[in-house]
Amino acid sequence: MPRLGEVTRSVRSKNAGPFWITVDIFFDGAESYARYKSDSALDAPALARRLGADPAWIRRYEIETLNALKLSYPRAQPQGGVVERDMHSGQQYLPLLEIELAP
């Protein structure tokens, strides 16, 4: 079964303000995007489990012109707080790379 990291050109995460994180998933072409964008492993509940977020708060956008999915979700802690471990949210995408997709 292919993993998300194998069928994408780039996956990145970043701040979307002090209270939200955004993840961009760029597939390696229109064919991969069309094939995997609706995979159940990439629906809001499955992504929420991987990201440690509440599924009700996951915002998922399909951007066909870029062959991309965009996710936004609230940070567990506000940016710059005492327990902050990733100030710019640049490492939050890592748990997504190993998601197994349907063949």
N, C-alpha and C. Protein backbone atom coordinates (compact mmCIF):
# COMPACT_ATOMS: atom_id res chain seq x y z
N MET A 1 0.84 -1.18 0.00
CA MET A 1 0.00 0.00 0.00
C MET A 1 0.89 1.24 0.00
N PRO A 2 0.58 2.19 -0.85
CA PRO A 2 1.41 3.41 -0.89
C PRO A 2 1.20 4.26 0.35
N ARG A 3 2.24 4.95 0.73
CA ARG A 3 2.18 5.88 1.85
C ARG A 3 2.07 7.29 1.31
N LEU A 4 1.49 8.17 2.10
CA LEU A 4 1.28 9.55 1.66
C LEU A 4 2.59 10.19 1.21
N GLY A 5 3.66 9.96 1.92
CA GLY A 5 4.94 10.54 1.56
C GLY A 5 5.48 10.07 0.22
N GLU A 6 4.96 8.95 -0.30
CA GLU A 6 5.42 8.41 -1.57
C GLU A 6 4.64 8.94 -2.77
N VAL A 7 3.46 9.49 -2.55
CA VAL A 7 2.62 9.94 -3.66
C VAL A 7 2.47 11.47 -3.68
N THR A 8 3.28 12.14 -2.88
CA THR A 8 3.22 13.60 -2.82
C THR A 8 4.54 14.21 -3.25
N ARG A 9 4.44 15.42 -3.76
CA ARG A 9 5.63 16.20 -4.11
C ARG A 9 6.16 16.89 -2.87
N SER A 10 5.24 17.32 -2.00
CA SER A 10 5.63 18.05 -0.81
C SER A 10 4.49 18.00 0.21
N VAL A 11 4.85 17.88 1.47
CA VAL A 11 3.91 18.02 2.58
C VAL A 11 4.58 18.96 3.56
N ARG A 12 3.86 19.99 3.98
CA ARG A 12 4.45 20.97 4.90
C ARG A 12 3.41 21.44 5.89
N SER A 13 3.89 21.93 7.01
CA SER A 13 3.00 22.51 8.01
C SER A 13 3.58 23.86 8.42
N LYS A 14 2.68 24.74 8.87
CA LYS A 14 3.12 26.08 9.26
C LYS A 14 2.05 26.73 10.13
N ASN A 15 2.44 27.82 10.74
CA ASN A 15 1.48 28.60 11.52
C ASN A 15 0.39 29.15 10.64
N ALA A 16 -0.79 29.24 11.22
CA ALA A 16 -1.90 29.96 10.59
C ALA A 16 -2.41 30.92 11.65
N GLY A 17 -1.49 31.64 12.24
CA GLY A 17 -1.81 32.52 13.36
C GLY A 17 -1.38 31.85 14.65
N PRO A 18 -1.53 32.51 15.78
CA PRO A 18 -1.05 31.96 17.05
C PRO A 18 -1.88 30.81 17.60
N PHE A 19 -3.05 30.56 17.00
CA PHE A 19 -3.93 29.53 17.53
C PHE A 19 -4.25 28.41 16.56
N TRP A 20 -3.79 28.49 15.32
CA TRP A 20 -4.10 27.48 14.30
C TRP A 20 -2.84 27.03 13.57
N ILE A 21 -2.91 25.82 13.04
CA ILE A 21 -1.84 25.23 12.22
C ILE A 21 -2.46 24.86 10.87
N THR A 22 -1.70 25.04 9.81
CA THR A 22 -2.12 24.64 8.47
C THR A 22 -1.14 23.61 7.92
N VAL A 23 -1.68 22.59 7.28
CA VAL A 23 -0.87 21.56 6.61
C VAL A 23 -1.25 21.57 5.13
N ASP A 24 -0.24 21.64 4.27
CA ASP A 24 -0.45 21.59 2.83
C ASP A 24 0.10 20.27 2.31
N ILE A 25 -0.73 19.55 1.55
CA ILE A 25 -0.34 18.28 0.96
C ILE A 25 -0.41 18.45 -0.56
N PHE A 26 0.75 18.49 -1.20
CA PHE A 26 0.82 18.65 -2.65
C PHE A 26 1.11 17.30 -3.29
N PHE A 27 0.13 16.78 -4.02
CA PHE A 27 0.33 15.50 -4.70
C PHE A 27 1.26 15.68 -5.89
N ASP A 28 1.84 14.57 -6.35
CA ASP A 28 2.84 14.66 -7.42
C ASP A 28 2.24 14.77 -8.81
N GLY A 29 0.96 15.02 -8.91
CA GLY A 29 0.32 15.24 -10.20
C GLY A 29 -1.19 15.10 -10.10
N ALA A 30 -1.87 15.44 -11.17
CA ALA A 30 -3.33 15.40 -11.20
C ALA A 30 -3.86 13.98 -10.99
N GLU A 31 -3.14 13.00 -11.53
CA GLU A 31 -3.58 11.62 -11.40
C GLU A 31 -3.55 11.16 -9.94
N SER A 32 -2.46 11.43 -9.24
CA SER A 32 -2.36 11.07 -7.82
C SER A 32 -3.40 11.82 -6.99
N TYR A 33 -3.55 13.10 -7.29
CA TYR A 33 -4.53 13.90 -6.56
C TYR A 33 -5.93 13.30 -6.73
N ALA A 34 -6.32 13.03 -7.95
CA ALA A 34 -7.65 12.48 -8.21
C ALA A 34 -7.84 11.12 -7.54
N ARG A 35 -6.79 10.34 -7.51
CA ARG A 35 -6.87 9.00 -6.94
C ARG A 35 -6.97 9.00 -5.42
N TYR A 36 -6.23 9.88 -4.76
CA TYR A 36 -6.11 9.80 -3.30
C TYR A 36 -6.85 10.88 -2.51
N LYS A 37 -7.34 11.93 -3.14
CA LYS A 37 -7.95 13.03 -2.38
C LYS A 37 -9.14 12.59 -1.54
N SER A 38 -9.85 11.56 -1.97
CA SER A 38 -11.03 11.10 -1.24
C SER A 38 -10.77 9.83 -0.44
N ASP A 39 -9.52 9.43 -0.34
CA ASP A 39 -9.17 8.23 0.43
C ASP A 39 -9.62 8.41 1.88
N SER A 40 -10.20 7.38 2.46
CA SER A 40 -10.71 7.48 3.83
C SER A 40 -9.60 7.76 4.84
N ALA A 41 -8.37 7.43 4.51
CA ALA A 41 -7.24 7.73 5.40
C ALA A 41 -6.94 9.22 5.47
N LEU A 42 -7.54 9.99 4.54
CA LEU A 42 -7.33 11.43 4.51
C LEU A 42 -8.60 12.21 4.85
N ASP A 43 -9.58 11.53 5.45
CA ASP A 43 -10.77 12.27 5.87
C ASP A 43 -10.51 12.91 7.24
N ALA A 44 -11.37 13.81 7.65
CA ALA A 44 -11.15 14.59 8.87
C ALA A 44 -10.95 13.73 10.13
N PRO A 45 -11.76 12.71 10.37
CA PRO A 45 -11.54 11.91 11.58
C PRO A 45 -10.18 11.19 11.59
N ALA A 46 -9.79 10.63 10.45
CA ALA A 46 -8.51 9.93 10.38
C ALA A 46 -7.34 10.90 10.57
N LEU A 47 -7.43 12.05 9.95
CA LEU A 47 -6.37 13.06 10.11
C LEU A 47 -6.32 13.58 11.53
N ALA A 48 -7.47 13.76 12.15
CA ALA A 48 -7.52 14.24 13.53
C ALA A 48 -6.81 13.27 14.47
N ARG A 49 -7.01 11.98 14.24
CA ARG A 49 -6.32 10.99 15.09
C ARG A 49 -4.81 11.12 14.95
N ARG A 50 -4.32 11.28 13.73
CA ARG A 50 -2.88 11.41 13.49
C ARG A 50 -2.31 12.69 14.08
N LEU A 51 -3.08 13.76 14.03
CA LEU A 51 -2.59 15.06 14.45
C LEU A 51 -2.91 15.38 15.91
N GLY A 52 -3.66 14.50 16.57
CA GLY A 52 -4.03 14.75 17.96
C GLY A 52 -4.99 15.92 18.10
N ALA A 53 -5.88 16.06 17.12
CA ALA A 53 -6.83 17.17 17.11
C ALA A 53 -8.26 16.65 17.20
N ASP A 54 -9.17 17.52 17.50
CA ASP A 54 -10.59 17.20 17.54
C ASP A 54 -11.12 17.18 16.11
N PRO A 55 -11.71 16.07 15.66
CA PRO A 55 -12.19 15.98 14.28
C PRO A 55 -13.19 17.08 13.91
N ALA A 56 -13.95 17.55 14.88
CA ALA A 56 -14.94 18.59 14.61
C ALA A 56 -14.28 19.92 14.21
N TRP A 57 -13.01 20.08 14.56
CA TRP A 57 -12.31 21.34 14.30
C TRP A 57 -11.41 21.28 13.07
N ILE A 58 -11.25 20.11 12.48
CA ILE A 58 -10.42 19.99 11.28
C ILE A 58 -11.14 20.65 10.11
N ARG A 59 -10.46 21.54 9.44
CA ARG A 59 -10.98 22.17 8.22
C ARG A 59 -10.16 21.62 7.06
N ARG A 60 -10.83 21.00 6.11
CA ARG A 60 -10.16 20.31 5.00
C ARG A 60 -10.63 20.92 3.68
N TYR A 61 -9.68 21.34 2.87
CA TYR A 61 -10.00 21.99 1.60
C TYR A 61 -9.30 21.24 0.47
N GLU A 62 -10.04 20.99 -0.60
CA GLU A 62 -9.49 20.37 -1.81
C GLU A 62 -9.21 21.48 -2.81
N ILE A 63 -7.97 21.58 -3.26
CA ILE A 63 -7.58 22.64 -4.20
C ILE A 63 -7.10 21.96 -5.48
N GLU A 64 -8.04 21.73 -6.37
CA GLU A 64 -7.77 20.96 -7.58
C GLU A 64 -6.72 21.61 -8.48
N THR A 65 -6.74 22.94 -8.60
CA THR A 65 -5.79 23.62 -9.49
C THR A 65 -4.35 23.44 -9.04
N LEU A 66 -4.13 23.11 -7.77
CA LEU A 66 -2.78 22.88 -7.25
C LEU A 66 -2.51 21.41 -6.96
N ASN A 67 -3.50 20.54 -7.22
CA ASN A 67 -3.39 19.12 -6.86
C ASN A 67 -3.03 18.99 -5.38
N ALA A 68 -3.78 19.70 -4.55
CA ALA A 68 -3.41 19.78 -3.14
C ALA A 68 -4.62 19.68 -2.22
N LEU A 69 -4.34 19.21 -1.01
CA LEU A 69 -5.27 19.27 0.10
C LEU A 69 -4.69 20.24 1.12
N LYS A 70 -5.54 21.01 1.74
CA LYS A 70 -5.11 21.94 2.78
C LYS A 70 -5.93 21.63 4.03
N LEU A 71 -5.25 21.51 5.14
CA LEU A 71 -5.90 21.24 6.42
C LEU A 71 -5.59 22.37 7.38
N SER A 72 -6.54 22.75 8.16
CA SER A 72 -6.30 23.71 9.23
C SER A 72 -6.95 23.15 10.49
N TYR A 73 -6.27 23.33 11.61
CA TYR A 73 -6.81 22.86 12.88
C TYR A 73 -6.20 23.68 14.02
N PRO A 74 -6.89 23.75 15.16
CA PRO A 74 -6.38 24.55 16.28
C PRO A 74 -5.14 23.92 16.90
N ARG A 75 -4.22 24.77 17.30
CA ARG A 75 -3.04 24.32 18.04
C ARG A 75 -3.46 23.81 19.40
N ALA A 76 -2.75 22.83 19.93
CA ALA A 76 -3.03 22.32 21.27
C ALA A 76 -2.72 23.39 22.32
N GLN A 77 -1.69 24.17 22.06
CA GLN A 77 -1.28 25.26 22.95
C GLN A 77 -1.03 26.49 22.08
N PRO A 78 -1.33 27.68 22.55
CA PRO A 78 -1.05 28.88 21.75
C PRO A 78 0.44 29.00 21.43
N GLN A 79 0.73 29.57 20.29
CA GLN A 79 2.11 29.77 19.87
C GLN A 79 2.86 30.60 20.90
N GLY A 80 4.06 30.15 21.23
CA GLY A 80 4.92 30.89 22.15
C GLY A 80 4.62 30.66 23.62
N GLY A 81 3.71 29.75 23.92
CA GLY A 81 3.38 29.45 25.31
C GLY A 81 4.52 28.72 26.01
N VAL A 82 4.38 28.55 27.30
CA VAL A 82 5.41 27.93 28.12
C VAL A 82 5.74 26.51 27.66
N VAL A 83 4.74 25.77 27.20
CA VAL A 83 4.98 24.38 26.79
C VAL A 83 5.19 24.24 25.28
N GLU A 84 5.42 25.32 24.59
CA GLU A 84 5.63 25.33 23.13
C GLU A 84 6.81 24.44 22.76
N ARG A 85 6.60 23.54 21.79
CA ARG A 85 7.67 22.66 21.33
C ARG A 85 8.01 22.84 19.87
N ASP A 86 7.17 23.57 19.14
CA ASP A 86 7.39 23.78 17.72
C ASP A 86 6.83 25.15 17.36
N MET A 87 7.59 26.17 17.65
CA MET A 87 7.13 27.56 17.56
C MET A 87 6.51 27.91 16.21
N HIS A 88 7.06 27.38 15.13
CA HIS A 88 6.57 27.73 13.79
C HIS A 88 5.71 26.62 13.17
N SER A 89 5.46 25.57 13.93
CA SER A 89 4.64 24.44 13.49
C SER A 89 5.22 23.73 12.28
N GLY A 90 6.49 23.87 12.04
CA GLY A 90 7.14 23.29 10.87
C GLY A 90 7.33 21.79 10.92
N GLN A 91 7.06 21.16 12.05
CA GLN A 91 7.25 19.71 12.16
C GLN A 91 5.94 18.94 12.34
N GLN A 92 4.83 19.63 12.31
CA GLN A 92 3.55 19.00 12.60
C GLN A 92 3.06 18.05 11.51
N TYR A 93 3.61 18.15 10.32
CA TYR A 93 3.18 17.28 9.21
C TYR A 93 3.77 15.88 9.29
N LEU A 94 4.82 15.69 10.05
CA LEU A 94 5.55 14.41 10.04
C LEU A 94 4.68 13.17 10.28
N PRO A 95 3.71 13.18 11.21
CA PRO A 95 2.90 11.97 11.40
C PRO A 95 2.06 11.59 10.17
N LEU A 96 1.89 12.52 9.25
CA LEU A 96 1.06 12.24 8.07
C LEU A 96 1.81 11.46 6.99
N LEU A 97 3.11 11.55 6.95
CA LEU A 97 3.88 10.94 5.86
C LEU A 97 3.73 9.43 5.78
N GLU A 98 3.48 8.78 6.89
CA GLU A 98 3.39 7.32 6.92
C GLU A 98 1.97 6.79 6.78
N ILE A 99 1.00 7.67 6.51
CA ILE A 99 -0.37 7.22 6.32
C ILE A 99 -0.42 6.27 5.12
N GLU A 100 -1.01 5.11 5.32
CA GLU A 100 -1.17 4.15 4.24
C GLU A 100 -2.47 4.43 3.49
N LEU A 101 -2.36 4.53 2.18
CA LEU A 101 -3.49 4.81 1.32
C LEU A 101 -3.93 3.56 0.61
N ALA A 102 -5.16 3.56 0.14
CA ALA A 102 -5.67 2.39 -0.60
C ALA A 102 -4.89 2.23 -1.90
N PRO A 103 -4.57 0.99 -2.28
CA PRO A 103 -3.81 0.77 -3.51
C PRO A 103 -4.57 1.14 -4.76
